[in-house]
Amino acid sequence: MQNKNIIMSALASAVILGGIIWLGNLSKTQNAGGDYAVAGGKLAVEETNFDFGKISMAAGNVRHAFKIKNAGAVPVTVNKIYTSCMCTAASLKTAAGEWGPFGMPGHGLTPKLNIKLAPGAETELEAIFDPAAHGPAGVGQIERVIYLDTSHGVTELKIKALVTP
């Protein structure tokens, strides 16, 4: 009985220690690569959230460019880019060219891309939001996501806005 208690205590201690080590490593990746935060494996992004603030439905589309860098030592392959809503599109701009715009699966183009980002390569993913896409019912606070599906995982880039008529 005493051996069982010792084993259970040792196991609990190992789990707690493992959690502390994991959390310590997680916080180290938040500022890797200067002003970038590591997301999606080897990719680093300056920001993962952008707030357009108050925007008018009548003023037309708004855009924001997310700056992305391959902070790893091996190439990263961009497999797909897609969005959470038909009102949002995204385009990828690299030194080799521009791809997009890509939208919501089932409502826009979401082809397999196979775009390689070399170690150290910098690129931009432009988010385009159409505040009039949902008509008069689309006023109020919105939050949308752009998904960057790569060989090292999926990076989520989020936009939000307060849409007015």
Protein backbone atom coordinates (compact mmCIF):
# COMPACT_ATOMS: atom_id res chain seq x y z
CA MET A 1 0.00 0.00 0.00
CA GLN A 2 2.83 2.40 0.88
CA ASN A 3 4.61 1.58 -2.42
CA LYS A 4 1.41 2.47 -4.30
CA ASN A 5 1.29 5.89 -2.60
CA ILE A 6 4.95 6.54 -3.46
CA ILE A 7 4.37 5.59 -7.10
CA MET A 8 1.25 7.81 -7.32
CA SER A 9 3.12 10.75 -5.76
CA ALA A 10 6.06 10.31 -8.14
CA LEU A 11 3.70 10.15 -11.12
CA ALA A 12 1.82 13.29 -10.03
CA SER A 13 5.12 15.13 -9.54
CA ALA A 14 6.31 14.11 -13.02
CA VAL A 15 3.08 15.37 -14.61
CA ILE A 16 3.31 18.71 -12.77
CA LEU A 17 6.98 19.14 -13.67
CA GLY A 18 6.25 18.29 -17.32
CA GLY A 19 3.49 20.92 -17.38
CA ILE A 20 5.80 23.57 -15.94
CA ILE A 21 8.48 22.79 -18.53
CA TRP A 22 5.91 22.86 -21.37
CA LEU A 23 4.55 26.24 -20.24
CA GLY A 24 8.09 27.63 -19.95
CA ASN A 25 8.88 26.61 -23.54
CA LEU A 26 5.57 28.01 -24.77
CA SER A 27 6.35 31.47 -23.37
CA LYS A 28 9.81 31.47 -24.99
CA THR A 29 8.26 31.27 -28.47
CA GLN A 30 6.18 34.41 -28.03
CA ASN A 31 8.98 36.79 -29.08
CA ALA A 32 11.21 34.58 -31.22
CA GLY A 33 12.58 36.43 -34.24
CA GLY A 34 12.53 40.00 -32.94
CA ASP A 35 9.11 41.66 -33.20
CA TYR A 36 7.52 38.46 -34.47
CA ALA A 37 5.66 35.86 -32.42
CA VAL A 38 6.05 32.22 -33.47
CA ALA A 39 2.83 30.62 -34.66
CA GLY A 40 2.04 27.51 -36.68
CA GLY A 41 5.35 25.72 -36.14
CA LYS A 42 8.13 27.57 -37.97
CA LEU A 43 6.19 30.65 -39.05
CA ALA A 44 6.54 33.93 -37.19
CA VAL A 45 3.96 36.70 -37.49
CA GLU A 46 4.14 40.30 -36.25
CA GLU A 47 0.55 40.08 -35.04
CA THR A 48 -2.15 37.45 -35.05
CA ASN A 49 -5.06 39.83 -34.36
CA PHE A 50 -6.02 43.10 -36.02
CA ASP A 51 -8.88 45.45 -35.11
CA PHE A 52 -10.15 47.71 -37.90
CA GLY A 53 -12.11 49.65 -35.29
CA LYS A 54 -15.34 51.33 -36.36
CA ILE A 55 -15.95 50.99 -40.12
CA SER A 56 -18.85 52.04 -42.30
CA MET A 57 -20.66 49.51 -44.47
CA ALA A 58 -21.01 52.26 -47.10
CA ALA A 59 -17.25 52.94 -47.28
CA GLY A 60 -16.41 49.64 -48.99
CA ASN A 61 -13.77 46.99 -48.36
CA VAL A 62 -11.04 47.36 -45.76
CA ARG A 63 -7.63 45.66 -45.92
CA HIS A 64 -4.84 44.71 -43.57
CA ALA A 65 -1.49 43.04 -44.35
CA PHE A 66 -0.19 40.50 -41.84
CA LYS A 67 3.62 40.23 -42.06
CA ILE A 68 4.89 36.65 -41.92
CA LYS A 69 8.41 35.22 -41.76
CA ASN A 70 9.78 31.69 -41.95
CA ALA A 71 11.79 31.75 -38.72
CA GLY A 72 12.84 28.12 -39.08
CA ALA A 73 15.87 26.47 -40.60
CA VAL A 74 13.87 24.52 -43.21
CA PRO A 75 11.40 25.57 -45.90
CA VAL A 76 7.72 25.88 -44.97
CA THR A 77 5.12 24.89 -47.56
CA VAL A 78 1.87 26.87 -47.71
CA ASN A 79 -0.77 24.25 -48.54
CA LYS A 80 -4.00 26.27 -48.40
CA ILE A 81 -5.40 29.64 -47.38
CA TYR A 82 -9.06 29.97 -46.44
CA THR A 83 -11.35 32.15 -44.35
CA SER A 84 -14.14 31.66 -41.82
CA CYS A 85 -16.74 33.68 -43.74
CA MET A 86 -17.65 34.64 -47.29
CA CYS A 87 -17.27 38.33 -46.37
CA THR A 88 -13.53 37.83 -45.89
CA ALA A 89 -10.85 37.01 -48.46
CA ALA A 90 -7.07 36.67 -48.28
CA SER A 91 -4.16 36.97 -50.70
CA LEU A 92 -0.55 35.88 -50.23
CA LYS A 93 2.27 38.06 -51.57
CA THR A 94 5.80 36.62 -51.77
CA ALA A 95 8.95 37.52 -53.67
CA ALA A 96 7.92 34.87 -56.23
CA GLY A 97 4.46 36.29 -56.88
CA GLU A 98 0.95 36.84 -55.60
CA TRP A 99 -1.79 34.24 -55.02
CA GLY A 100 -5.46 34.76 -54.27
CA PRO A 101 -7.84 36.02 -53.26
CA PHE A 102 -8.99 32.95 -51.33
CA GLY A 103 -12.24 32.72 -49.42
CA MET A 104 -14.44 30.47 -47.37
CA PRO A 105 -14.50 26.79 -48.38
CA GLY A 106 -17.60 26.17 -50.45
CA HIS A 107 -17.97 29.90 -51.25
CA GLY A 108 -14.68 30.66 -52.94
CA LEU A 109 -11.45 29.25 -54.22
CA THR A 110 -9.44 27.11 -51.76
CA PRO A 111 -7.03 25.19 -54.01
CA LYS A 112 -3.94 23.27 -52.92
CA LEU A 113 -1.11 25.82 -53.28
CA ASN A 114 2.28 24.18 -52.60
CA ILE A 115 4.07 27.54 -52.14
CA LYS A 116 7.51 27.17 -50.55
CA LEU A 117 8.80 29.79 -48.11
CA ALA A 118 12.57 29.49 -47.71
CA PRO A 119 14.19 29.91 -44.28
CA GLY A 120 14.28 33.63 -43.47
CA ALA A 121 11.79 34.49 -46.25
CA GLU A 122 9.30 37.24 -45.46
CA THR A 123 5.85 37.53 -46.98
CA GLU A 124 2.50 39.23 -46.46
CA LEU A 125 -0.96 37.81 -46.14
CA GLU A 126 -3.51 40.49 -46.98
CA ALA A 127 -6.93 40.21 -45.33
CA ILE A 128 -9.80 41.86 -47.22
CA PHE A 129 -13.09 42.37 -45.37
CA ASP A 130 -16.30 43.45 -47.12
CA PRO A 131 -18.52 45.09 -44.46
CA ALA A 132 -21.51 45.16 -46.84
CA ALA A 133 -21.45 41.42 -47.61
CA HIS A 134 -24.14 40.58 -45.06
CA GLY A 135 -26.39 43.53 -45.89
CA PRO A 136 -28.21 45.52 -43.20
CA ALA A 137 -28.17 42.52 -40.84
CA GLY A 138 -24.36 42.66 -40.82
CA VAL A 139 -23.98 45.71 -38.56
CA GLY A 140 -22.33 45.36 -35.17
CA GLN A 141 -19.20 43.65 -33.88
CA ILE A 142 -17.65 41.05 -36.22
CA GLU A 143 -14.75 38.65 -35.80
CA ARG A 144 -13.33 36.64 -38.70
CA VAL A 145 -10.41 34.23 -39.13
CA ILE A 146 -7.96 33.64 -41.97
CA TYR A 147 -6.39 30.18 -41.88
CA LEU A 148 -2.87 29.68 -43.22
CA ASP A 149 -2.48 25.89 -43.57
CA THR A 150 1.22 24.96 -43.85
CA SER A 151 3.51 21.97 -43.60
CA HIS A 152 4.11 22.98 -39.97
CA GLY A 153 0.49 23.44 -38.88
CA VAL A 154 -2.34 25.93 -39.23
CA THR A 155 -1.84 29.57 -38.26
CA GLU A 156 -4.97 31.58 -37.44
CA LEU A 157 -4.95 35.30 -38.20
CA LYS A 158 -7.94 37.17 -36.78
CA ILE A 159 -9.63 40.41 -37.74
CA LYS A 160 -12.42 42.27 -36.05
CA ALA A 161 -14.39 45.45 -36.58
CA LEU A 162 -17.44 47.35 -35.46
CA VAL A 163 -19.57 47.65 -38.62
CA THR A 164 -21.91 50.64 -38.90
CA PRO A 165 -24.47 51.40 -41.66
